[in-house]
Amino acid sequence: MKVIFAGGGTGGHINPAISIADFAASKEENFEALFIGTKRGLESKLVPAAGYDIKYIDIEGFSRKNMLKNVGVMKKLMESRRECRKIIREFKPDCVVCTGGYVSGPVAMAAYKEKVSALIHEQNVYPGLTVKGSEKYVDYLALSFDETVNFLKKKEKCVVTGNPIRPEILKADRESARKKLGIKGRFILVFGGSLGADRINETVIGMLPELRKDRSIKLLFGTGDRNYAKVKKLAADKGITDHDSNIEIVPYINNMADVMAAADIVVARSGAITVSELAALGKPSVLIPSPNVVRNHQEQNAREFEKNGAAAVITESELSSDVLWEKLKTMLNDKKALDAMSENVLKMAKTDALEKLYELMKAMSDK
């Protein structure tokens, strides 16, 4: 099987594509993958690091603020579509898999013109412009949430697959993880993504003095590499040091599967992959959507979980150290409600996305 993958910009678009490619490679003896992306996006680092070839095109997203700029964007779209058709003719894929981001648009259009079957995968509850614009060009619209079908026109093409979940997350076990990490009491995990989140960091720093008073609660706080030194200094200013055994502040969490599995509550942003992993683990959470994303999709993801009793949501406009600390205390002190949230979030889990996406790839390849 020969497959072209397209997805770029953020890890949320690239990592699912890599996971799908890895899974297909484990199933196919003669599997070949070629990625299409931009030199500016994270794909330029992540794809080669995963061992796959990549071709670059010059494309960017539409501006919602500067309409004149979109004249140039349209020109790049047409040029990149021609370049993608050339790449498809040369590589001769059996099918094309797009995982969102503006790179996916010209690739989906080129596949349609070259009569190569394609699918596009949407990670979030509300579909992005690229997914909506690609509806007529693809054979399948692979969705992560049931609700997403309501926002698309070509409902007959929709297949709910879920988000690809990392194997280490699926294999993680709460009791084994807690034993491995030496955790016996209540455990809160906080992180704002690989780069961190300033507002979450500031809020958590403000509640550390209260947390220090209750040694039965352990906190692991991932600040993001770029903010670690700043957070450590601000924590020290509040009297929080490395001697506070129930508070651990780290720049980056390398063993996320273990710590997420071990946690009683996770405090995090509500990106698509994060919420899908929380669901797979049945993990209660306090979701703090980033307001700085296109279409406010993180709040839409969070509200879908909240609606199903699967998470608590605090927006940044509502966020403060007191609000977060009171929410966490309330949740920790109500085991019945916490267990109910765990049951509800497990109901939203879709853990066989890779298998379903692979089956769609095989169906397209056989056409």
Protein backbone atom coordinates (compact mmCIF):
# COMPACT_ATOMS: atom_id res chain seq x y z
CA MET A 1 0.00 0.00 0.00
CA LYS A 2 1.27 3.45 -1.00
CA VAL A 3 -0.25 6.41 0.82
CA ILE A 4 0.20 10.15 0.73
CA PHE A 5 -0.45 11.91 4.04
CA ALA A 6 -1.18 15.62 4.34
CA GLY A 7 -1.46 17.62 7.52
CA GLY A 8 0.54 20.48 8.88
CA GLY A 9 1.14 23.41 11.12
CA THR A 10 0.54 22.01 14.59
CA GLY A 11 1.25 18.71 16.28
CA GLY A 12 -2.52 18.18 16.50
CA HIS A 13 -2.62 17.72 12.73
CA ILE A 14 0.73 15.98 12.24
CA ASN A 15 0.88 13.44 15.07
CA PRO A 16 -2.41 11.75 14.07
CA ALA A 17 -1.07 11.34 10.52
CA ILE A 18 2.16 9.79 11.83
CA SER A 19 0.17 7.46 14.12
CA ILE A 20 -1.98 6.32 11.19
CA ALA A 21 1.10 5.76 9.03
CA ASP A 22 2.81 3.75 11.79
CA PHE A 23 -0.27 1.59 12.27
CA ALA A 24 -0.64 0.92 8.54
CA ALA A 25 3.07 0.09 8.32
CA SER A 26 2.59 -2.52 11.06
CA LYS A 27 -0.19 -4.13 9.00
CA GLU A 28 1.24 -3.89 5.49
CA GLU A 29 4.38 -5.73 4.44
CA ASN A 30 5.10 -3.35 1.56
CA PHE A 31 3.93 -0.06 2.96
CA GLU A 32 5.17 3.26 1.57
CA ALA A 33 4.24 6.69 2.90
CA LEU A 34 4.96 10.16 1.61
CA PHE A 35 3.97 13.27 3.56
CA ILE A 36 3.15 16.68 2.12
CA GLY A 37 3.59 19.74 4.32
CA THR A 38 5.25 23.14 4.63
CA LYS A 39 8.75 24.03 5.77
CA ARG A 40 7.29 26.45 8.34
CA GLY A 41 5.18 23.92 10.20
CA LEU A 42 6.15 21.36 12.83
CA GLU A 43 5.89 18.66 10.17
CA SER A 44 9.34 19.68 8.92
CA LYS A 45 10.74 18.28 12.20
CA LEU A 46 8.24 15.65 13.28
CA VAL A 47 7.87 13.75 10.01
CA PRO A 48 11.60 13.17 9.31
CA ALA A 49 12.08 12.27 12.99
CA ALA A 50 9.41 9.58 12.54
CA GLY A 51 11.35 8.17 9.58
CA TYR A 52 9.09 9.27 6.72
CA ASP A 53 9.81 11.23 3.55
CA ILE A 54 8.17 14.59 3.07
CA LYS A 55 7.62 16.96 0.15
CA TYR A 56 7.08 20.66 0.79
CA ILE A 57 4.57 23.05 -0.75
CA ASP A 58 4.12 26.78 -0.21
CA ILE A 59 0.68 27.34 1.27
CA GLU A 60 -0.83 29.29 4.15
CA GLY A 61 -4.22 29.69 5.79
CA PHE A 62 -6.81 32.31 4.97
CA SER A 63 -6.73 35.48 7.03
CA ARG A 64 -9.90 36.46 8.86
CA LYS A 65 -8.58 39.95 9.54
CA ASN A 66 -6.86 40.97 6.31
CA MET A 67 -9.03 40.17 3.28
CA LEU A 68 -6.51 41.67 0.84
CA LYS A 69 -3.93 39.17 2.00
CA ASN A 70 -6.23 36.37 0.84
CA VAL A 71 -5.63 37.31 -2.80
CA GLY A 72 -2.08 36.06 -2.34
CA VAL A 73 -3.33 33.04 -0.39
CA MET A 74 -5.62 32.08 -3.29
CA LYS A 75 -2.70 32.32 -5.70
CA LYS A 76 -0.62 30.05 -3.47
CA LEU A 77 -3.54 27.63 -3.23
CA MET A 78 -3.73 27.27 -7.01
CA GLU A 79 0.02 26.89 -7.36
CA SER A 80 0.27 24.36 -4.56
CA ARG A 81 -2.61 22.35 -6.01
CA ARG A 82 -0.66 22.03 -9.28
CA GLU A 83 2.43 20.99 -7.32
CA CYS A 84 0.40 18.40 -5.40
CA ARG A 85 -0.95 16.93 -8.64
CA LYS A 86 2.64 16.52 -9.83
CA ILE A 87 3.63 14.81 -6.56
CA ILE A 88 0.64 12.45 -6.81
CA ARG A 89 1.45 11.53 -10.42
CA GLU A 90 5.04 10.77 -9.50
CA PHE A 91 4.37 8.83 -6.29
CA LYS A 92 1.25 7.02 -7.58
CA PRO A 93 -0.46 6.48 -4.20
CA ASP A 94 -3.26 3.98 -3.66
CA CYS A 95 -5.03 6.58 -1.53
CA VAL A 96 -4.57 9.93 0.22
CA VAL A 97 -5.12 10.66 3.92
CA CYS A 98 -5.50 14.27 5.08
CA THR A 99 -5.53 15.16 8.77
CA GLY A 100 -6.51 18.81 8.63
CA GLY A 101 -4.73 22.14 8.56
CA TYR A 102 -4.47 24.29 5.46
CA VAL A 103 -2.01 21.87 3.82
CA SER A 104 -4.84 19.37 3.43
CA GLY A 105 -6.90 21.60 1.11
CA PRO A 106 -4.74 21.57 -2.03
CA VAL A 107 -3.84 17.91 -1.48
CA ALA A 108 -7.51 16.86 -1.32
CA MET A 109 -8.29 18.91 -4.45
CA ALA A 110 -5.31 17.46 -6.31
CA ALA A 111 -6.29 13.89 -5.37
CA TYR A 112 -9.79 14.53 -6.71
CA LYS A 113 -8.39 15.83 -10.02
CA GLU A 114 -6.03 12.85 -10.28
CA LYS A 115 -8.89 10.43 -9.49
CA VAL A 116 -7.19 9.10 -6.35
CA SER A 117 -9.47 8.23 -3.41
CA ALA A 118 -8.97 10.39 -0.33
CA LEU A 119 -10.27 10.92 3.18
CA ILE A 120 -9.94 13.85 5.53
CA HIS A 121 -9.92 13.45 9.30
CA GLU A 122 -11.35 16.07 11.66
CA GLN A 123 -9.99 15.99 15.21
CA ASN A 124 -12.32 18.55 16.81
CA VAL A 125 -16.05 18.68 17.48
CA TYR A 126 -16.62 21.59 15.10
CA PRO A 127 -15.08 21.05 11.65
CA GLY A 128 -12.53 23.53 10.34
CA LEU A 129 -12.68 25.49 7.08
CA THR A 130 -10.35 23.03 5.36
CA VAL A 131 -12.53 20.05 6.22
CA LYS A 132 -15.69 21.86 5.16
CA GLY A 133 -14.04 22.99 1.95
CA SER A 134 -12.82 19.47 1.18
CA GLU A 135 -16.19 17.72 1.53
CA LYS A 136 -16.82 17.35 -2.18
CA TYR A 137 -13.26 16.25 -2.98
CA VAL A 138 -12.93 13.29 -0.63
CA ASP A 139 -14.51 9.85 -0.38
CA TYR A 140 -14.76 9.87 3.41
CA LEU A 141 -15.09 12.46 6.17
CA ALA A 142 -13.53 10.70 9.17
CA LEU A 143 -14.81 12.31 12.37
CA SER A 144 -13.75 12.11 16.00
CA PHE A 145 -17.10 13.01 17.57
CA ASP A 146 -20.68 11.96 16.74
CA GLU A 147 -21.81 15.59 17.08
CA THR A 148 -19.63 16.69 14.14
CA VAL A 149 -21.95 15.05 11.59
CA ASN A 150 -24.48 17.82 12.27
CA PHE A 151 -22.10 20.49 10.95
CA LEU A 152 -21.35 18.89 7.57
CA LYS A 153 -23.35 18.78 4.34
CA LYS A 154 -22.11 15.47 2.91
CA LYS A 155 -23.47 13.32 5.73
CA GLU A 156 -23.35 10.20 3.57
CA LYS A 157 -19.55 10.47 3.54
CA CYS A 158 -19.23 10.76 7.33
CA VAL A 159 -17.67 7.94 9.33
CA VAL A 160 -17.10 8.41 13.07
CA THR A 161 -13.70 6.91 13.79
CA GLY A 162 -12.51 8.83 16.83
CA ASN A 163 -9.06 10.35 17.24
CA PRO A 164 -5.96 8.18 16.90
CA ILE A 165 -4.76 7.39 20.42
CA ARG A 166 -1.12 6.66 21.18
CA PRO A 167 -0.58 2.95 22.03
CA GLU A 168 1.14 3.83 25.31
CA ILE A 169 -2.00 5.68 26.43
CA LEU A 170 -4.23 2.71 25.60
CA LYS A 171 -1.95 0.35 27.52
CA ALA A 172 -1.65 2.58 30.61
CA ASP A 173 -3.20 1.28 33.84
CA ARG A 174 -4.02 3.39 36.90
CA GLU A 175 -2.83 1.03 39.62
CA SER A 176 0.34 0.02 37.78
CA ALA A 177 1.15 3.66 37.04
CA ARG A 178 0.59 4.75 40.65
CA LYS A 179 2.81 1.94 41.92
CA LYS A 180 5.51 2.83 39.39
CA LEU A 181 5.38 6.52 40.36
CA GLY A 182 5.11 5.83 44.10
CA ILE A 183 1.78 7.67 44.45
CA LYS A 184 -0.47 6.62 47.33
CA GLY A 185 -2.76 9.60 47.99
CA ARG A 186 -4.76 11.96 45.83
CA PHE A 187 -2.94 13.14 42.71
CA ILE A 188 -3.59 16.17 40.47
CA LEU A 189 -1.88 16.58 37.11
CA VAL A 190 -1.70 20.04 35.49
CA PHE A 191 -0.25 20.87 32.08
CA GLY A 192 -0.91 23.41 29.35
CA GLY A 193 0.58 21.59 26.36
CA SER A 194 4.19 21.08 25.25
CA LEU A 195 4.84 24.84 25.16
CA GLY A 196 2.91 25.56 28.33
CA ALA A 197 0.14 28.11 28.88
CA ASP A 198 0.90 31.39 30.66
CA ARG A 199 -2.56 31.86 32.12
CA ILE A 200 -2.75 28.34 33.54
CA ASN A 201 0.77 28.69 34.95
CA GLU A 202 -0.09 31.98 36.70
CA THR A 203 -3.29 30.50 38.12
CA VAL A 204 -1.60 27.39 39.49
CA ILE A 205 1.20 29.44 41.09
CA GLY A 206 -1.48 31.40 42.96
CA MET A 207 -2.99 28.27 44.50
CA LEU A 208 0.30 26.60 45.53
CA PRO A 209 0.32 28.04 49.09
CA GLU A 210 -3.13 26.49 49.72
CA LEU A 211 -2.10 23.20 48.16
CA ARG A 212 1.03 23.03 50.33
CA LYS A 213 -1.19 22.98 53.44
CA ASP A 214 -2.75 19.65 52.40
CA ARG A 215 0.03 17.08 52.12
CA SER A 216 -2.47 14.36 51.21
CA ILE A 217 -2.70 15.89 47.73
CA LYS A 218 0.24 15.59 45.33
CA LEU A 219 0.55 17.96 42.37
CA LEU A 220 2.60 17.43 39.22
CA PHE A 221 2.75 20.74 37.36
CA GLY A 222 4.14 20.82 33.79
CA THR A 223 4.97 24.43 32.93
CA GLY A 224 6.31 24.09 29.38
CA ASP A 225 10.00 24.51 28.62
CA ARG A 226 9.92 28.22 27.85
CA ASN A 227 8.20 29.16 31.13
CA TYR A 228 9.90 26.83 33.59
CA ALA A 229 12.49 29.25 34.99
CA LYS A 230 9.88 32.00 35.38
CA VAL A 231 7.44 29.70 37.16
CA LYS A 232 10.11 28.34 39.52
CA LYS A 233 11.08 31.89 40.50
CA LEU A 234 7.47 32.96 41.08
CA ALA A 235 6.88 29.80 43.12
CA ALA A 236 9.99 30.50 45.18
CA ASP A 237 8.72 34.03 45.82
CA LYS A 238 5.68 32.41 47.44
CA GLY A 239 7.89 30.20 49.56
CA ILE A 240 7.41 27.06 47.44
CA THR A 241 10.69 25.14 47.10
CA ASP A 242 11.86 21.71 46.00
CA HIS A 243 11.54 20.65 49.64
CA ASP A 244 7.74 20.76 49.34
CA SER A 245 7.34 17.05 48.74
CA ASN A 246 3.73 17.22 47.54
CA ILE A 247 4.47 19.79 44.79
CA GLU A 248 6.57 18.87 41.77
CA ILE A 249 7.19 21.49 39.08
CA VAL A 250 8.74 20.28 35.81
CA PRO A 251 9.37 21.90 32.41
CA TYR A 252 8.09 18.97 30.37
CA ILE A 253 6.34 15.68 31.13
CA ASN A 254 8.07 12.82 29.33
CA ASN A 255 6.00 10.00 30.83
CA MET A 256 2.55 11.41 30.07
CA ALA A 257 0.86 8.01 29.73
CA ASP A 258 1.86 7.01 33.27
CA VAL A 259 1.10 10.31 35.01
CA MET A 260 -2.21 10.76 33.22
CA ALA A 261 -3.27 7.23 34.11
CA ALA A 262 -2.24 7.76 37.74
CA ALA A 263 -4.03 11.09 38.22
CA ASP A 264 -7.31 11.53 40.05
CA ILE A 265 -7.96 14.79 38.18
CA VAL A 266 -6.26 16.33 35.15
CA VAL A 267 -6.24 20.09 34.56
CA ALA A 268 -5.46 20.86 30.93
CA ARG A 269 -6.37 22.65 27.73
CA SER A 270 -9.06 20.99 25.61
CA GLY A 271 -7.28 20.23 22.36
CA ALA A 272 -8.75 17.32 20.44
CA ILE A 273 -6.00 14.81 21.18
CA THR A 274 -5.90 15.71 24.88
CA VAL A 275 -9.63 15.23 25.42
CA SER A 276 -9.59 12.00 23.40
CA GLU A 277 -6.78 10.61 25.58
CA LEU A 278 -8.62 11.66 28.75
CA ALA A 279 -11.69 9.81 27.50
CA ALA A 280 -9.68 6.68 26.68
CA LEU A 281 -8.35 6.63 30.24
CA GLY A 282 -11.70 7.52 31.84
CA LYS A 283 -10.05 10.49 33.49
CA PRO A 284 -12.02 13.25 35.28
CA SER A 285 -10.75 16.68 34.30
CA VAL A 286 -11.00 20.43 34.58
CA LEU A 287 -10.72 21.76 31.04
CA ILE A 288 -9.50 25.31 30.45
CA PRO A 289 -10.03 26.01 26.72
CA SER A 290 -7.48 28.19 24.98
CA PRO A 291 -9.19 31.31 23.62
CA ASN A 292 -6.37 31.80 21.11
CA VAL A 293 -7.33 29.15 18.57
CA VAL A 294 -9.22 29.29 15.28
CA ARG A 295 -13.03 29.08 15.60
CA ASN A 296 -12.71 28.70 19.38
CA HIS A 297 -12.70 24.95 18.78
CA GLN A 298 -11.19 24.14 22.19
CA GLU A 299 -14.22 25.54 24.00
CA GLN A 300 -16.49 23.59 21.65
CA ASN A 301 -14.59 20.41 22.52
CA ALA A 302 -14.79 21.20 26.24
CA ARG A 303 -18.52 22.04 26.14
CA GLU A 304 -19.28 18.72 24.43
CA PHE A 305 -17.60 16.91 27.35
CA GLU A 306 -19.32 19.15 29.89
CA LYS A 307 -22.70 18.49 28.29
CA ASN A 308 -22.16 14.77 28.80
CA GLY A 309 -21.08 15.13 32.43
CA ALA A 310 -17.58 14.09 31.39
CA ALA A 311 -15.57 17.16 32.49
CA ALA A 312 -15.74 20.45 34.34
CA VAL A 313 -15.03 23.59 32.30
CA ILE A 314 -13.53 26.91 33.39
CA THR A 315 -13.01 29.53 30.70
CA GLU A 316 -10.09 31.93 30.94
CA SER A 317 -12.49 34.81 31.63
CA GLU A 318 -13.72 32.90 34.72
CA LEU A 319 -10.32 31.58 35.76
CA SER A 320 -8.57 32.54 38.99
CA SER A 321 -6.49 30.70 41.57
CA ASP A 322 -9.40 30.68 44.02
CA VAL A 323 -11.88 29.40 41.42
CA LEU A 324 -9.61 26.57 40.29
CA TRP A 325 -8.63 25.54 43.83
CA GLU A 326 -12.27 25.47 44.99
CA LYS A 327 -13.26 23.40 41.96
CA LEU A 328 -10.47 20.88 42.57
CA LYS A 329 -11.29 20.57 46.29
CA THR A 330 -14.98 20.07 45.54
CA MET A 331 -14.24 17.35 43.01
CA LEU A 332 -11.70 15.54 45.19
CA ASN A 333 -14.06 15.56 48.18
CA ASP A 334 -17.00 14.10 46.25
CA LYS A 335 -15.90 10.60 45.25
CA LYS A 336 -19.38 9.67 43.99
CA ALA A 337 -19.42 12.62 41.56
CA LEU A 338 -15.82 11.94 40.54
CA ASP A 339 -16.64 8.30 39.78
CA ALA A 340 -19.69 9.39 37.77
CA MET A 341 -17.53 11.76 35.71
CA SER A 342 -15.10 8.92 35.07
CA GLU A 343 -17.92 6.67 33.86
CA ASN A 344 -19.34 9.43 31.65
CA VAL A 345 -16.03 10.26 30.00
CA LEU A 346 -15.37 6.56 29.30
CA LYS A 347 -18.66 6.45 27.39
CA MET A 348 -17.24 9.10 25.03
CA ALA A 349 -14.04 7.16 24.39
CA LYS A 350 -13.28 5.81 20.95
CA THR A 351 -10.19 3.66 21.20
CA ASP A 352 -10.18 1.88 17.85
CA ALA A 353 -9.66 4.90 15.58
CA LEU A 354 -6.48 3.54 14.01
CA GLU A 355 -8.17 0.29 13.05
CA LYS A 356 -11.17 2.12 11.57
CA LEU A 357 -8.99 4.55 9.60
CA TYR A 358 -6.88 1.68 8.31
CA GLU A 359 -10.01 -0.11 7.11
CA LEU A 360 -11.07 3.03 5.23
CA MET A 361 -7.60 3.20 3.66
CA LYS A 362 -7.92 -0.40 2.50
CA ALA A 363 -11.39 0.28 1.08
CA MET A 364 -10.04 3.28 -0.87
CA SER A 365 -7.03 1.32 -2.12
CA ASP A 366 -9.29 -1.44 -3.46
CA LYS A 367 -11.40 0.96 -5.55
